[in-house]
Amino acid sequence: MADFVKKAKDYFEIGYISQCLKKFDVSCTNYFKSLSAVNDYLLFSKKLFAKDHSSRFNLLRKNFPYNYKITSSLFLLYRRTYTKKVDSKDSEYLFKKLREVFESAKVEIPSVEGIKKEVKKIFG
């Protein structure tokens, strides 16, 4: 279970760093991966396992309707990152919704200050 939380936080941090660098497609992709990791954490807590996006959506719809609603509404934005340009508004929106999911799952959200400190350690 801790692996899912670690992945969720790692993807969140990379998403935030990418957003700061104005790499919005990378930011959105990592935010959505973070969202998926939180969802997998919740599913795992009920001993449910998703093998792909379709399976995850079905399990979420039945067991975590709040997360299903948010995840399904963001999936097209995530898919758009593969072929079309996304912008800062898309990244900000995903960031906001992801924070809601972290809070509802009672998973600690990485702090912006903590992310900035880690980056500063690496790059000075």
C-alpha atoms as a PDB file:
ATOM      1  CA  MET A   1       0.000   0.000   0.000  1.00  0.00           C
ATOM      2  CA  ALA A   2       2.848   2.343   0.817  1.00  0.00           C
ATOM      3  CA  ASP A   3       4.160   1.850  -2.731  1.00  0.00           C
ATOM      4  CA  PHE A   4       0.998   3.403  -4.180  1.00  0.00           C
ATOM      5  CA  VAL A   5       1.281   6.405  -1.857  1.00  0.00           C
ATOM      6  CA  LYS A   6       4.970   6.855  -2.713  1.00  0.00           C
ATOM      7  CA  LYS A   7       4.193   6.687  -6.435  1.00  0.00           C
ATOM      8  CA  ALA A   8       1.340   9.166  -6.030  1.00  0.00           C
ATOM      9  CA  LYS A   9       3.622  11.623  -4.249  1.00  0.00           C
ATOM     10  CA  ASP A  10       6.517  11.101  -6.693  1.00  0.00           C
ATOM     11  CA  TYR A  11       4.305  11.722  -9.735  1.00  0.00           C
ATOM     12  CA  PHE A  12       2.768  14.740  -8.000  1.00  0.00           C
ATOM     13  CA  GLU A  13       6.198  16.246  -7.342  1.00  0.00           C
ATOM     14  CA  ILE A  14       7.397  15.697 -10.926  1.00  0.00           C
ATOM     15  CA  GLY A  15       4.100  17.118 -12.179  1.00  0.00           C
ATOM     16  CA  TYR A  16       4.571  20.242 -10.086  1.00  0.00           C
ATOM     17  CA  ILE A  17       8.192  20.705 -11.188  1.00  0.00           C
ATOM     18  CA  SER A  18       7.133  20.272 -14.820  1.00  0.00           C
ATOM     19  CA  GLN A  19       4.350  22.803 -14.336  1.00  0.00           C
ATOM     20  CA  CYS A  20       6.876  25.327 -12.975  1.00  0.00           C
ATOM     21  CA  LEU A  21       9.034  24.678 -16.055  1.00  0.00           C
ATOM     22  CA  LYS A  22       5.983  25.307 -18.281  1.00  0.00           C
ATOM     23  CA  LYS A  23       6.123  21.703 -19.556  1.00  0.00           C
ATOM     24  CA  PHE A  24       2.374  21.379 -19.284  1.00  0.00           C
ATOM     25  CA  ASP A  25       1.979  18.116 -21.193  1.00  0.00           C
ATOM     26  CA  VAL A  26       4.507  16.440 -18.870  1.00  0.00           C
ATOM     27  CA  SER A  27       2.865  18.077 -15.878  1.00  0.00           C
ATOM     28  CA  CYS A  28      -0.619  16.837 -16.812  1.00  0.00           C
ATOM     29  CA  THR A  29       0.637  13.338 -17.591  1.00  0.00           C
ATOM     30  CA  ASN A  30       2.333  13.042 -14.209  1.00  0.00           C
ATOM     31  CA  TYR A  31      -0.614  14.532 -12.338  1.00  0.00           C
ATOM     32  CA  PHE A  32      -2.887  11.937 -13.930  1.00  0.00           C
ATOM     33  CA  LYS A  33      -0.447   9.150 -13.028  1.00  0.00           C
ATOM     34  CA  SER A  34      -0.493  10.485  -9.468  1.00  0.00           C
ATOM     35  CA  LEU A  35      -4.284  10.366  -9.536  1.00  0.00           C
ATOM     36  CA  SER A  36      -4.182   6.765 -10.759  1.00  0.00           C
ATOM     37  CA  ALA A  37      -1.786   5.800  -7.963  1.00  0.00           C
ATOM     38  CA  VAL A  38      -4.121   7.317  -5.343  1.00  0.00           C
ATOM     39  CA  ASN A  39      -6.998   5.412  -6.904  1.00  0.00           C
ATOM     40  CA  ASP A  40      -4.993   2.184  -6.843  1.00  0.00           C
ATOM     41  CA  TYR A  41      -4.165   2.842  -3.186  1.00  0.00           C
ATOM     42  CA  LEU A  42      -7.873   3.133  -2.381  1.00  0.00           C
ATOM     43  CA  LEU A  43      -8.754   0.059  -4.406  1.00  0.00           C
ATOM     44  CA  PHE A  44      -5.951  -1.930  -2.768  1.00  0.00           C
ATOM     45  CA  SER A  45      -7.338  -0.942   0.654  1.00  0.00           C
ATOM     46  CA  LYS A  46     -10.428  -2.985  -0.341  1.00  0.00           C
ATOM     47  CA  LYS A  47      -8.288  -5.764  -1.838  1.00  0.00           C
ATOM     48  CA  LEU A  48      -9.276  -4.755  -5.369  1.00  0.00           C
ATOM     49  CA  PHE A  49      -6.764  -4.612  -8.213  1.00  0.00           C
ATOM     50  CA  ALA A  50      -7.078  -2.860 -11.555  1.00  0.00           C
ATOM     51  CA  LYS A  51      -5.222  -4.318 -14.532  1.00  0.00           C
ATOM     52  CA  ASP A  52      -5.883  -1.359 -16.854  1.00  0.00           C
ATOM     53  CA  HIS A  53      -7.782   1.922 -17.128  1.00  0.00           C
ATOM     54  CA  SER A  54     -11.108   0.250 -17.978  1.00  0.00           C
ATOM     55  CA  SER A  55     -10.878  -2.062 -15.003  1.00  0.00           C
ATOM     56  CA  ARG A  56      -9.880   0.836 -12.739  1.00  0.00           C
ATOM     57  CA  PHE A  57     -12.841   2.923 -13.914  1.00  0.00           C
ATOM     58  CA  ASN A  58     -15.299   0.070 -13.290  1.00  0.00           C
ATOM     59  CA  LEU A  59     -13.918  -0.603  -9.818  1.00  0.00           C
ATOM     60  CA  LEU A  60     -13.923   3.098  -8.962  1.00  0.00           C
ATOM     61  CA  ARG A  61     -17.485   3.566 -10.200  1.00  0.00           C
ATOM     62  CA  LYS A  62     -18.690   0.778  -7.894  1.00  0.00           C
ATOM     63  CA  ASN A  63     -16.505   1.460  -4.853  1.00  0.00           C
ATOM     64  CA  PHE A  64     -15.348   5.080  -4.925  1.00  0.00           C
ATOM     65  CA  PRO A  65     -17.885   7.127  -6.929  1.00  0.00           C
ATOM     66  CA  TYR A  66     -16.309  10.467  -5.961  1.00  0.00           C
ATOM     67  CA  ASN A  67     -12.942   9.388  -7.367  1.00  0.00           C
ATOM     68  CA  TYR A  68     -14.612   7.857 -10.400  1.00  0.00           C
ATOM     69  CA  LYS A  69     -16.336  11.147 -11.213  1.00  0.00           C
ATOM     70  CA  ILE A  70     -13.104  13.137 -10.993  1.00  0.00           C
ATOM     71  CA  THR A  71     -10.949  10.548 -12.763  1.00  0.00           C
ATOM     72  CA  SER A  72     -13.355  10.004 -15.641  1.00  0.00           C
ATOM     73  CA  SER A  73     -13.742  13.766 -16.118  1.00  0.00           C
ATOM     74  CA  LEU A  74      -9.934  14.161 -16.381  1.00  0.00           C
ATOM     75  CA  PHE A  75      -9.209  11.150 -18.569  1.00  0.00           C
ATOM     76  CA  LEU A  76      -9.773  12.980 -21.865  1.00  0.00           C
ATOM     77  CA  LEU A  77      -7.417  15.740 -20.755  1.00  0.00           C
ATOM     78  CA  TYR A  78      -4.806  13.079 -19.978  1.00  0.00           C
ATOM     79  CA  ARG A  79      -5.333  11.458 -23.394  1.00  0.00           C
ATOM     80  CA  ARG A  80      -5.082  14.855 -25.079  1.00  0.00           C
ATOM     81  CA  THR A  81      -1.493  15.184 -23.804  1.00  0.00           C
ATOM     82  CA  TYR A  82      -0.483  12.487 -26.296  1.00  0.00           C
ATOM     83  CA  THR A  83      -1.512  14.368 -29.410  1.00  0.00           C
ATOM     84  CA  LYS A  84      -2.451  17.963 -28.662  1.00  0.00           C
ATOM     85  CA  LYS A  85      -1.115  20.935 -26.804  1.00  0.00           C
ATOM     86  CA  VAL A  86      -2.232  21.514 -23.247  1.00  0.00           C
ATOM     87  CA  ASP A  87      -1.743  24.787 -21.427  1.00  0.00           C
ATOM     88  CA  SER A  88      -1.263  26.215 -17.960  1.00  0.00           C
ATOM     89  CA  LYS A  89      -5.023  26.255 -17.307  1.00  0.00           C
ATOM     90  CA  ASP A  90      -5.222  22.520 -17.962  1.00  0.00           C
ATOM     91  CA  SER A  91      -2.293  21.880 -15.647  1.00  0.00           C
ATOM     92  CA  GLU A  92      -3.710  24.117 -12.904  1.00  0.00           C
ATOM     93  CA  TYR A  93      -7.111  22.431 -13.157  1.00  0.00           C
ATOM     94  CA  LEU A  94      -5.599  18.960 -12.881  1.00  0.00           C
ATOM     95  CA  PHE A  95      -3.434  20.148  -9.955  1.00  0.00           C
ATOM     96  CA  LYS A  96      -6.553  21.423  -8.149  1.00  0.00           C
ATOM     97  CA  LYS A  97      -8.576  18.251  -8.736  1.00  0.00           C
ATOM     98  CA  LEU A  98      -5.650  16.035  -7.741  1.00  0.00           C
ATOM     99  CA  ARG A  99      -5.321  17.886  -4.435  1.00  0.00           C
ATOM    100  CA  GLU A 100      -9.020  17.190  -3.797  1.00  0.00           C
ATOM    101  CA  VAL A 101      -8.455  13.477  -4.412  1.00  0.00           C
ATOM    102  CA  PHE A 102      -5.416  13.382  -2.096  1.00  0.00           C
ATOM    103  CA  GLU A 103      -7.512  15.031   0.617  1.00  0.00           C
ATOM    104  CA  SER A 104     -10.509  12.731   0.162  1.00  0.00           C
ATOM    105  CA  ALA A 105      -8.217   9.670   0.276  1.00  0.00           C
ATOM    106  CA  LYS A 106      -6.542  11.062   3.409  1.00  0.00           C
ATOM    107  CA  VAL A 107      -3.139  10.925   1.720  1.00  0.00           C
ATOM    108  CA  GLU A 108      -0.717  13.668   2.699  1.00  0.00           C
ATOM    109  CA  ILE A 109      -0.143  16.082  -0.167  1.00  0.00           C
ATOM    110  CA  PRO A 110       3.509  16.903  -0.871  1.00  0.00           C
ATOM    111  CA  SER A 111       4.099  20.520   0.081  1.00  0.00           C
ATOM    112  CA  VAL A 112       5.183  23.014  -2.533  1.00  0.00           C
ATOM    113  CA  GLU A 113       7.789  24.285  -0.094  1.00  0.00           C
ATOM    114  CA  GLY A 114       9.175  20.769   0.349  1.00  0.00           C
ATOM    115  CA  ILE A 115       9.384  20.255  -3.410  1.00  0.00           C
ATOM    116  CA  LYS A 116      11.200  23.582  -3.810  1.00  0.00           C
ATOM    117  CA  LYS A 117      13.692  22.633  -1.069  1.00  0.00           C
ATOM    118  CA  GLU A 118      14.453  19.311  -2.769  1.00  0.00           C
ATOM    119  CA  VAL A 119      14.986  21.024  -6.113  1.00  0.00           C
ATOM    120  CA  LYS A 120      17.238  23.612  -4.494  1.00  0.00           C
ATOM    121  CA  LYS A 121      19.348  20.832  -2.910  1.00  0.00           C
ATOM    122  CA  ILE A 122      19.902  19.318  -6.334  1.00  0.00           C
ATOM    123  CA  PHE A 123      20.418  22.445  -8.401  1.00  0.00           C
ATOM    124  CA  GLY A 124      21.565  24.927  -5.794  1.00  0.00           C
END
